């Protein structure tokens, strides 16, 4: 984390070497939204961050890599996954939910395994990523975190 603070952000580089978002997006062969997210320090995929840095290097004439620019990438984060265990019986629909922060669906499945073992009567399992977060009444659950995974169960 200390190393990250020493690197300039994409926005800081933009103040020194002006570039517009559509130009960098075109050079990187990405959507403008991806470049905009990088500027706002929202996570993007590492492969997209590498394309942005390469496009910026080409545009401003500098040798740059991700080692030189602080761009937040999904690979450093864990995304909120909603796991639903369900039983579709004709009498009633029964569901139980578990929320976990995981790197991908396979990781979410691993984290939820013990919880699902306790719910053998709910044989259907669904995994839904929720990177935008979740709002239930006045409760807000962030869509991604940078720390270790943890889970919350709701039944």
N, C-alpha and C. Protein backbone atom coordinates (compact mmCIF):
# COMPACT_ATOMS: atom_id res chain seq x y z
N UNK A 1 0.83 -1.19 0.00
CA UNK A 1 0.00 0.00 0.00
C UNK A 1 0.87 1.26 0.00
N UNK A 2 1.99 1.20 0.71
CA UNK A 2 2.90 2.34 0.75
C UNK A 2 3.45 2.65 -0.64
N UNK A 3 3.76 1.59 -1.39
CA UNK A 3 4.27 1.74 -2.75
C UNK A 3 3.24 2.44 -3.64
N UNK A 4 1.96 2.13 -3.44
CA UNK A 4 0.90 2.73 -4.25
C UNK A 4 0.87 4.25 -4.07
N UNK A 5 1.10 4.74 -2.88
CA UNK A 5 1.03 6.18 -2.63
C UNK A 5 2.14 6.94 -3.34
N UNK A 6 3.24 6.25 -3.68
CA UNK A 6 4.35 6.91 -4.35
C UNK A 6 4.10 7.08 -5.84
N UNK A 7 3.23 6.27 -6.40
CA UNK A 7 2.95 6.34 -7.84
C UNK A 7 1.87 7.38 -8.10
N UNK A 8 2.00 8.15 -9.18
CA UNK A 8 0.93 9.10 -9.51
C UNK A 8 -0.30 8.36 -10.04
N UNK A 9 -1.45 8.91 -9.74
CA UNK A 9 -2.69 8.35 -10.27
C UNK A 9 -2.85 8.80 -11.71
N UNK A 10 -3.78 8.19 -12.40
CA UNK A 10 -4.06 8.57 -13.79
C UNK A 10 -4.52 10.03 -13.85
N UNK A 11 -5.31 10.44 -12.89
CA UNK A 11 -5.79 11.84 -12.85
C UNK A 11 -4.64 12.81 -12.63
N UNK A 12 -3.68 12.45 -11.77
CA UNK A 12 -2.51 13.31 -11.56
C UNK A 12 -1.68 13.42 -12.84
N UNK A 13 -1.52 12.30 -13.55
CA UNK A 13 -0.80 12.35 -14.82
C UNK A 13 -1.54 13.20 -15.84
N UNK A 14 -2.85 13.19 -15.76
CA UNK A 14 -3.66 13.98 -16.70
C UNK A 14 -3.44 15.48 -16.49
N UNK A 15 -3.18 15.90 -15.25
CA UNK A 15 -2.93 17.32 -15.00
C UNK A 15 -1.55 17.75 -15.53
N UNK A 16 -0.62 16.80 -15.59
CA UNK A 16 0.73 17.10 -16.09
C UNK A 16 0.78 16.97 -17.61
N UNK A 17 0.25 15.87 -18.12
CA UNK A 17 0.27 15.59 -19.57
C UNK A 17 -1.19 15.47 -20.01
N UNK A 18 -1.78 16.59 -20.37
CA UNK A 18 -3.21 16.56 -20.67
C UNK A 18 -3.53 15.54 -21.75
N UNK A 19 -4.61 14.81 -21.52
CA UNK A 19 -5.16 13.91 -22.53
C UNK A 19 -6.67 13.88 -22.33
N UNK A 20 -7.38 13.65 -23.40
CA UNK A 20 -8.83 13.52 -23.25
C UNK A 20 -9.19 12.03 -23.25
N UNK A 21 -10.28 11.75 -22.60
CA UNK A 21 -10.71 10.37 -22.39
C UNK A 21 -10.96 9.64 -23.71
N UNK A 22 -11.69 10.24 -24.67
CA UNK A 22 -11.94 9.51 -25.93
C UNK A 22 -10.66 9.15 -26.70
N UNK A 23 -9.66 10.02 -26.66
CA UNK A 23 -8.41 9.73 -27.36
C UNK A 23 -7.71 8.53 -26.76
N UNK A 24 -7.58 8.50 -25.45
CA UNK A 24 -6.92 7.37 -24.78
C UNK A 24 -7.75 6.10 -24.96
N UNK A 25 -9.06 6.22 -24.88
CA UNK A 25 -9.92 5.05 -25.07
C UNK A 25 -9.75 4.48 -26.48
N UNK A 26 -9.68 5.34 -27.47
CA UNK A 26 -9.49 4.89 -28.85
C UNK A 26 -8.14 4.21 -29.02
N UNK A 27 -7.08 4.85 -28.50
CA UNK A 27 -5.74 4.26 -28.61
C UNK A 27 -5.65 2.92 -27.89
N UNK A 28 -6.36 2.81 -26.77
CA UNK A 28 -6.33 1.57 -25.98
C UNK A 28 -7.32 0.52 -26.48
N UNK A 29 -8.15 0.93 -27.43
CA UNK A 29 -9.21 0.06 -27.97
C UNK A 29 -10.16 -0.40 -26.85
N UNK A 30 -10.55 0.57 -26.02
CA UNK A 30 -11.47 0.33 -24.90
C UNK A 30 -12.60 1.35 -24.98
N UNK A 31 -13.64 1.12 -24.22
CA UNK A 31 -14.71 2.09 -24.11
C UNK A 31 -14.29 3.27 -23.24
N UNK A 32 -14.89 4.42 -23.50
CA UNK A 32 -14.56 5.60 -22.70
C UNK A 32 -14.91 5.40 -21.23
N UNK A 33 -15.92 4.60 -20.97
CA UNK A 33 -16.33 4.33 -19.60
C UNK A 33 -15.19 3.68 -18.79
N UNK A 34 -14.44 2.79 -19.41
CA UNK A 34 -13.34 2.12 -18.71
C UNK A 34 -12.26 3.13 -18.32
N UNK A 35 -11.91 4.03 -19.25
CA UNK A 35 -10.91 5.05 -18.96
C UNK A 35 -11.44 6.00 -17.88
N UNK A 36 -12.69 6.35 -17.98
CA UNK A 36 -13.31 7.23 -16.98
C UNK A 36 -13.27 6.59 -15.60
N UNK A 37 -13.58 5.30 -15.51
CA UNK A 37 -13.50 4.59 -14.22
C UNK A 37 -12.08 4.60 -13.68
N UNK A 38 -11.10 4.42 -14.56
CA UNK A 38 -9.70 4.45 -14.11
C UNK A 38 -9.36 5.84 -13.54
N UNK A 39 -9.84 6.89 -14.19
CA UNK A 39 -9.60 8.25 -13.69
C UNK A 39 -10.25 8.47 -12.33
N UNK A 40 -11.42 7.89 -12.13
CA UNK A 40 -12.14 8.05 -10.86
C UNK A 40 -11.66 7.10 -9.77
N UNK A 41 -10.67 6.26 -10.11
CA UNK A 41 -10.10 5.28 -9.19
C UNK A 41 -11.11 4.21 -8.80
N UNK A 42 -11.98 3.89 -9.76
CA UNK A 42 -12.85 2.73 -9.61
C UNK A 42 -12.11 1.55 -10.22
N UNK A 43 -12.29 0.36 -9.67
CA UNK A 43 -11.54 -0.79 -10.19
C UNK A 43 -11.89 -1.11 -11.65
N UNK A 44 -10.86 -1.45 -12.40
CA UNK A 44 -11.01 -1.94 -13.77
C UNK A 44 -10.13 -3.20 -13.87
N UNK A 45 -10.30 -3.96 -14.94
CA UNK A 45 -9.48 -5.16 -15.10
C UNK A 45 -8.04 -4.78 -15.41
N UNK A 46 -7.11 -5.58 -14.90
CA UNK A 46 -5.69 -5.28 -15.07
C UNK A 46 -5.31 -5.21 -16.55
N UNK A 47 -5.86 -6.10 -17.38
CA UNK A 47 -5.52 -6.07 -18.81
C UNK A 47 -5.96 -4.73 -19.43
N UNK A 48 -7.08 -4.17 -18.96
CA UNK A 48 -7.54 -2.87 -19.46
C UNK A 48 -6.64 -1.75 -18.94
N UNK A 49 -6.20 -1.86 -17.68
CA UNK A 49 -5.29 -0.86 -17.11
C UNK A 49 -3.98 -0.85 -17.89
N UNK A 50 -3.49 -2.03 -18.26
CA UNK A 50 -2.26 -2.11 -19.05
C UNK A 50 -2.44 -1.45 -20.42
N UNK A 51 -3.60 -1.64 -21.03
CA UNK A 51 -3.88 -1.01 -22.33
C UNK A 51 -3.94 0.51 -22.19
N UNK A 52 -4.55 0.98 -21.11
CA UNK A 52 -4.64 2.43 -20.88
C UNK A 52 -3.26 3.03 -20.70
N UNK A 53 -2.44 2.39 -19.90
CA UNK A 53 -1.08 2.91 -19.65
C UNK A 53 -0.26 2.89 -20.94
N UNK A 54 -0.39 1.83 -21.74
CA UNK A 54 0.33 1.77 -23.02
C UNK A 54 -0.15 2.87 -23.96
N UNK A 55 -1.45 3.12 -24.00
CA UNK A 55 -2.00 4.18 -24.85
C UNK A 55 -1.53 5.55 -24.37
N UNK A 56 -1.51 5.75 -23.06
CA UNK A 56 -1.04 7.02 -22.50
C UNK A 56 0.44 7.22 -22.83
N UNK A 57 1.23 6.17 -22.70
CA UNK A 57 2.66 6.26 -23.02
C UNK A 57 2.85 6.65 -24.48
N UNK A 58 2.07 6.03 -25.36
CA UNK A 58 2.14 6.35 -26.79
C UNK A 58 1.72 7.80 -27.03
N UNK A 59 0.67 8.24 -26.34
CA UNK A 59 0.11 9.58 -26.55
C UNK A 59 1.06 10.68 -26.08
N UNK A 60 1.69 10.48 -24.92
CA UNK A 60 2.54 11.54 -24.35
C UNK A 60 4.03 11.34 -24.65
N UNK A 61 4.39 10.18 -25.22
CA UNK A 61 5.77 9.93 -25.58
C UNK A 61 6.68 9.58 -24.42
N UNK A 62 6.14 8.91 -23.41
CA UNK A 62 6.93 8.46 -22.26
C UNK A 62 6.90 6.94 -22.18
N UNK A 63 7.89 6.38 -21.51
CA UNK A 63 7.86 4.94 -21.22
C UNK A 63 7.13 4.76 -19.91
N UNK A 64 5.94 4.18 -19.96
CA UNK A 64 5.13 3.97 -18.76
C UNK A 64 4.65 2.53 -18.70
N UNK A 65 4.53 2.00 -17.49
CA UNK A 65 3.91 0.71 -17.24
C UNK A 65 3.06 0.86 -15.99
N UNK A 66 2.38 -0.19 -15.60
CA UNK A 66 1.59 -0.14 -14.35
C UNK A 66 2.49 0.04 -13.13
N UNK A 67 3.77 -0.22 -13.30
CA UNK A 67 4.71 0.03 -12.20
C UNK A 67 4.87 1.54 -11.94
N UNK A 68 4.52 2.36 -12.94
CA UNK A 68 4.69 3.81 -12.84
C UNK A 68 3.39 4.56 -12.55
N UNK A 69 2.25 3.90 -12.74
CA UNK A 69 0.96 4.58 -12.63
C UNK A 69 0.06 3.81 -11.66
N UNK A 70 -0.57 4.54 -10.76
CA UNK A 70 -1.47 3.94 -9.78
C UNK A 70 -2.88 3.86 -10.35
N UNK A 71 -3.25 2.68 -10.85
CA UNK A 71 -4.60 2.43 -11.33
C UNK A 71 -5.17 1.28 -10.50
N UNK A 72 -6.36 1.47 -9.99
CA UNK A 72 -7.01 0.45 -9.17
C UNK A 72 -7.55 -0.65 -10.07
N UNK A 73 -7.16 -1.90 -9.78
CA UNK A 73 -7.58 -3.03 -10.62
C UNK A 73 -8.39 -4.03 -9.81
N UNK A 74 -9.35 -4.67 -10.49
CA UNK A 74 -10.22 -5.64 -9.84
C UNK A 74 -9.44 -6.76 -9.19
N UNK A 75 -8.32 -7.13 -9.78
CA UNK A 75 -7.55 -8.25 -9.26
C UNK A 75 -7.06 -8.02 -7.83
N UNK A 76 -7.06 -6.77 -7.38
CA UNK A 76 -6.69 -6.45 -6.00
C UNK A 76 -7.90 -6.43 -5.07
N UNK A 77 -9.08 -6.64 -5.62
CA UNK A 77 -10.31 -6.52 -4.86
C UNK A 77 -11.08 -7.82 -4.84
N UNK A 78 -12.03 -7.87 -3.94
CA UNK A 78 -12.99 -8.96 -3.90
C UNK A 78 -14.37 -8.35 -4.07
N UNK A 79 -15.18 -8.98 -4.91
CA UNK A 79 -16.50 -8.47 -5.27
C UNK A 79 -17.56 -9.15 -4.40
N UNK A 80 -18.62 -8.43 -4.12
CA UNK A 80 -19.75 -8.99 -3.39
C UNK A 80 -20.48 -9.98 -4.29
N UNK A 81 -20.70 -11.19 -3.79
CA UNK A 81 -21.48 -12.22 -4.50
C UNK A 81 -22.68 -12.57 -3.65
N UNK A 82 -23.84 -12.65 -4.27
CA UNK A 82 -25.06 -13.09 -3.60
C UNK A 82 -25.25 -14.55 -3.97
N UNK A 83 -25.32 -15.39 -2.97
CA UNK A 83 -25.51 -16.82 -3.20
C UNK A 83 -26.90 -17.18 -2.71
N UNK A 84 -27.67 -17.80 -3.59
CA UNK A 84 -29.03 -18.20 -3.24
C UNK A 84 -29.12 -19.72 -3.29
N UNK A 85 -29.59 -20.28 -2.19
CA UNK A 85 -29.90 -21.72 -2.15
C UNK A 85 -31.41 -21.80 -2.20
N UNK A 86 -31.93 -22.66 -3.06
CA UNK A 86 -33.36 -22.66 -3.31
C UNK A 86 -33.89 -24.08 -3.46
N UNK A 87 -35.16 -24.23 -3.10
CA UNK A 87 -35.89 -25.48 -3.33
C UNK A 87 -37.18 -25.11 -4.03
N UNK A 88 -37.35 -25.61 -5.21
CA UNK A 88 -38.56 -25.34 -5.98
C UNK A 88 -39.54 -26.49 -5.78
N UNK A 89 -40.30 -26.41 -4.72
CA UNK A 89 -41.34 -27.42 -4.50
C UNK A 89 -42.66 -26.81 -4.91
N UNK A 90 -43.63 -27.65 -5.21
CA UNK A 90 -44.95 -27.16 -5.63
C UNK A 90 -45.69 -26.50 -4.47
N UNK A 91 -45.37 -26.93 -3.26
CA UNK A 91 -46.07 -26.37 -2.10
C UNK A 91 -45.61 -24.94 -1.78
N UNK A 92 -44.30 -24.73 -1.81
CA UNK A 92 -43.79 -23.40 -1.49
C UNK A 92 -42.40 -23.21 -2.07
N UNK A 93 -42.02 -21.98 -2.23
CA UNK A 93 -40.69 -21.64 -2.71
C UNK A 93 -39.86 -21.25 -1.49
N UNK A 94 -38.76 -21.95 -1.27
CA UNK A 94 -37.92 -21.69 -0.11
C UNK A 94 -36.55 -21.21 -0.60
N UNK A 95 -36.09 -20.11 -0.06
CA UNK A 95 -34.79 -19.55 -0.42
C UNK A 95 -34.01 -19.17 0.83
N UNK A 96 -32.70 -19.29 0.75
CA UNK A 96 -31.79 -18.76 1.77
C UNK A 96 -30.68 -18.05 1.01
N UNK A 97 -30.17 -16.98 1.59
CA UNK A 97 -29.16 -16.17 0.92
C UNK A 97 -27.90 -16.06 1.76
N UNK A 98 -26.79 -15.96 1.08
CA UNK A 98 -25.50 -15.75 1.72
C UNK A 98 -24.75 -14.73 0.89
N UNK A 99 -24.09 -13.80 1.52
CA UNK A 99 -23.29 -12.81 0.82
C UNK A 99 -21.83 -13.07 1.14
N UNK A 100 -20.99 -13.13 0.12
CA UNK A 100 -19.55 -13.30 0.34
C UNK A 100 -18.80 -12.33 -0.55
N UNK A 101 -17.61 -11.98 -0.13
CA UNK A 101 -16.70 -11.23 -0.98
C UNK A 101 -15.69 -12.22 -1.53
N UNK A 102 -15.60 -12.27 -2.85
CA UNK A 102 -14.74 -13.26 -3.49
C UNK A 102 -14.13 -12.69 -4.76
N UNK A 103 -13.04 -13.33 -5.22
CA UNK A 103 -12.35 -12.90 -6.43
C UNK A 103 -13.14 -13.24 -7.69
N UNK A 104 -13.84 -14.39 -7.65
CA UNK A 104 -14.59 -14.86 -8.81
C UNK A 104 -15.63 -15.88 -8.33
N UNK A 105 -16.39 -16.45 -9.27
CA UNK A 105 -17.46 -17.37 -8.89
C UNK A 105 -16.92 -18.63 -8.20
N UNK A 106 -15.82 -19.13 -8.69
CA UNK A 106 -15.22 -20.32 -8.08
C UNK A 106 -14.83 -20.05 -6.62
N UNK A 107 -14.24 -18.89 -6.37
CA UNK A 107 -13.87 -18.51 -5.01
C UNK A 107 -15.13 -18.35 -4.15
N UNK A 108 -16.18 -17.74 -4.70
CA UNK A 108 -17.44 -17.60 -3.96
C UNK A 108 -18.01 -18.97 -3.61
N UNK A 109 -17.94 -19.91 -4.56
CA UNK A 109 -18.43 -21.26 -4.33
C UNK A 109 -17.66 -21.93 -3.18
N UNK A 110 -16.34 -21.74 -3.18
CA UNK A 110 -15.51 -22.30 -2.11
C UNK A 110 -15.86 -21.71 -0.75
N UNK A 111 -16.07 -20.39 -0.72
CA UNK A 111 -16.39 -19.72 0.54
C UNK A 111 -17.77 -20.13 1.07
N UNK A 112 -18.68 -20.45 0.18
CA UNK A 112 -20.05 -20.78 0.58
C UNK A 112 -20.26 -22.28 0.80
N UNK A 113 -19.27 -23.10 0.52
CA UNK A 113 -19.42 -24.55 0.58
C UNK A 113 -19.97 -25.04 1.93
N UNK A 114 -19.38 -24.59 3.03
CA UNK A 114 -19.83 -25.07 4.35
C UNK A 114 -21.25 -24.60 4.65
N UNK A 115 -21.57 -23.39 4.25
CA UNK A 115 -22.92 -22.87 4.45
C UNK A 115 -23.92 -23.71 3.66
N UNK A 116 -23.58 -24.03 2.42
CA UNK A 116 -24.47 -24.82 1.58
C UNK A 116 -24.62 -26.25 2.09
N UNK A 117 -23.57 -26.79 2.70
CA UNK A 117 -23.66 -28.15 3.27
C UNK A 117 -24.73 -28.22 4.35
N UNK A 118 -24.96 -27.13 5.05
CA UNK A 118 -25.98 -27.08 6.10
C UNK A 118 -27.39 -26.97 5.53
N UNK A 119 -27.48 -26.72 4.24
CA UNK A 119 -28.78 -26.50 3.60
C UNK A 119 -29.04 -27.56 2.53
N UNK A 120 -28.85 -28.81 2.89
CA UNK A 120 -29.03 -29.90 1.92
C UNK A 120 -30.45 -29.94 1.36
N UNK A 121 -31.41 -29.43 2.13
CA UNK A 121 -32.80 -29.40 1.68
C UNK A 121 -33.05 -28.32 0.60
N UNK A 122 -32.02 -27.50 0.30
CA UNK A 122 -32.11 -26.47 -0.74
C UNK A 122 -31.06 -26.79 -1.82
N UNK A 123 -31.40 -27.66 -2.76
CA UNK A 123 -30.39 -28.20 -3.69
C UNK A 123 -29.99 -27.31 -4.86
N UNK A 124 -30.73 -26.26 -5.15
CA UNK A 124 -30.42 -25.40 -6.30
C UNK A 124 -29.63 -24.19 -5.82
N UNK A 125 -28.46 -23.94 -6.44
CA UNK A 125 -27.57 -22.87 -5.99
C UNK A 125 -27.31 -21.89 -7.14
N UNK A 126 -27.41 -20.61 -6.82
CA UNK A 126 -27.23 -19.55 -7.82
C UNK A 126 -26.22 -18.53 -7.28
N UNK A 127 -25.29 -18.09 -8.14
CA UNK A 127 -24.24 -17.15 -7.76
C UNK A 127 -24.36 -15.90 -8.63
N UNK A 128 -24.53 -14.75 -7.99
CA UNK A 128 -24.72 -13.50 -8.72
C UNK A 128 -23.73 -12.45 -8.22
N UNK A 129 -22.83 -11.96 -9.09
CA UNK A 129 -21.92 -10.89 -8.66
C UNK A 129 -22.70 -9.59 -8.50
N UNK A 130 -22.28 -8.78 -7.55
CA UNK A 130 -22.97 -7.53 -7.28
C UNK A 130 -21.94 -6.41 -7.02
N UNK A 131 -21.14 -6.05 -8.04
CA UNK A 131 -20.07 -5.06 -7.82
C UNK A 131 -20.58 -3.66 -7.49
N UNK A 132 -21.84 -3.38 -7.79
CA UNK A 132 -22.40 -2.06 -7.47
C UNK A 132 -22.88 -1.97 -6.02
N UNK A 133 -22.84 -3.10 -5.32
CA UNK A 133 -23.28 -3.11 -3.93
C UNK A 133 -24.76 -3.43 -3.82
N UNK A 134 -25.25 -3.44 -2.61
CA UNK A 134 -26.62 -3.82 -2.34
C UNK A 134 -27.19 -2.91 -1.27
N UNK A 135 -28.43 -2.48 -1.47
CA UNK A 135 -29.11 -1.62 -0.50
C UNK A 135 -30.39 -2.31 -0.06
N UNK A 136 -30.50 -2.55 1.24
CA UNK A 136 -31.70 -3.16 1.82
C UNK A 136 -32.19 -2.20 2.89
N UNK A 137 -33.24 -1.47 2.57
CA UNK A 137 -33.72 -0.45 3.50
C UNK A 137 -32.63 0.58 3.75
N UNK A 138 -32.25 0.77 5.00
CA UNK A 138 -31.21 1.74 5.32
C UNK A 138 -29.83 1.08 5.43
N UNK A 139 -29.74 -0.19 5.07
CA UNK A 139 -28.46 -0.91 5.13
C UNK A 139 -27.82 -0.90 3.74
N UNK A 140 -26.56 -0.52 3.68
CA UNK A 140 -25.81 -0.54 2.43
C UNK A 140 -24.64 -1.51 2.57
N UNK A 141 -24.51 -2.39 1.60
CA UNK A 141 -23.42 -3.34 1.57
C UNK A 141 -22.55 -2.97 0.38
N UNK A 142 -21.28 -2.64 0.61
CA UNK A 142 -20.42 -2.22 -0.50
C UNK A 142 -20.23 -3.33 -1.52
N UNK A 143 -20.03 -2.97 -2.77
CA UNK A 143 -19.90 -3.93 -3.86
C UNK A 143 -18.54 -4.58 -3.95
N UNK A 144 -17.54 -3.98 -3.35
CA UNK A 144 -16.22 -4.59 -3.36
C UNK A 144 -15.40 -4.08 -2.19
N UNK A 145 -14.44 -4.91 -1.80
CA UNK A 145 -13.55 -4.56 -0.70
C UNK A 145 -12.13 -4.94 -1.08
N UNK A 146 -11.18 -4.37 -0.38
CA UNK A 146 -9.79 -4.69 -0.65
C UNK A 146 -9.21 -5.62 0.41
N UNK A 147 -9.89 -5.82 1.51
CA UNK A 147 -9.36 -6.65 2.58
C UNK A 147 -9.73 -8.11 2.39
N UNK A 148 -9.44 -8.94 3.38
CA UNK A 148 -9.72 -10.36 3.34
C UNK A 148 -11.23 -10.62 3.21
N UNK A 149 -11.58 -11.78 2.64
CA UNK A 149 -12.98 -12.13 2.42
C UNK A 149 -13.67 -12.41 3.75
N UNK A 150 -14.92 -12.06 3.80
CA UNK A 150 -15.78 -12.43 4.91
C UNK A 150 -17.18 -12.62 4.36
N UNK A 151 -18.06 -13.21 5.14
CA UNK A 151 -19.39 -13.44 4.61
C UNK A 151 -20.46 -13.09 5.63
N UNK A 152 -21.65 -12.84 5.12
CA UNK A 152 -22.82 -12.52 5.91
C UNK A 152 -23.95 -13.40 5.43
N UNK A 153 -24.68 -14.06 6.34
CA UNK A 153 -25.80 -14.91 5.94
C UNK A 153 -27.12 -14.24 6.29
N UNK A 154 -28.09 -14.42 5.40
CA UNK A 154 -29.43 -13.93 5.63
C UNK A 154 -30.38 -15.07 5.27
N UNK A 155 -31.25 -15.45 6.18
CA UNK A 155 -32.22 -16.53 5.89
C UNK A 155 -33.61 -16.04 6.15
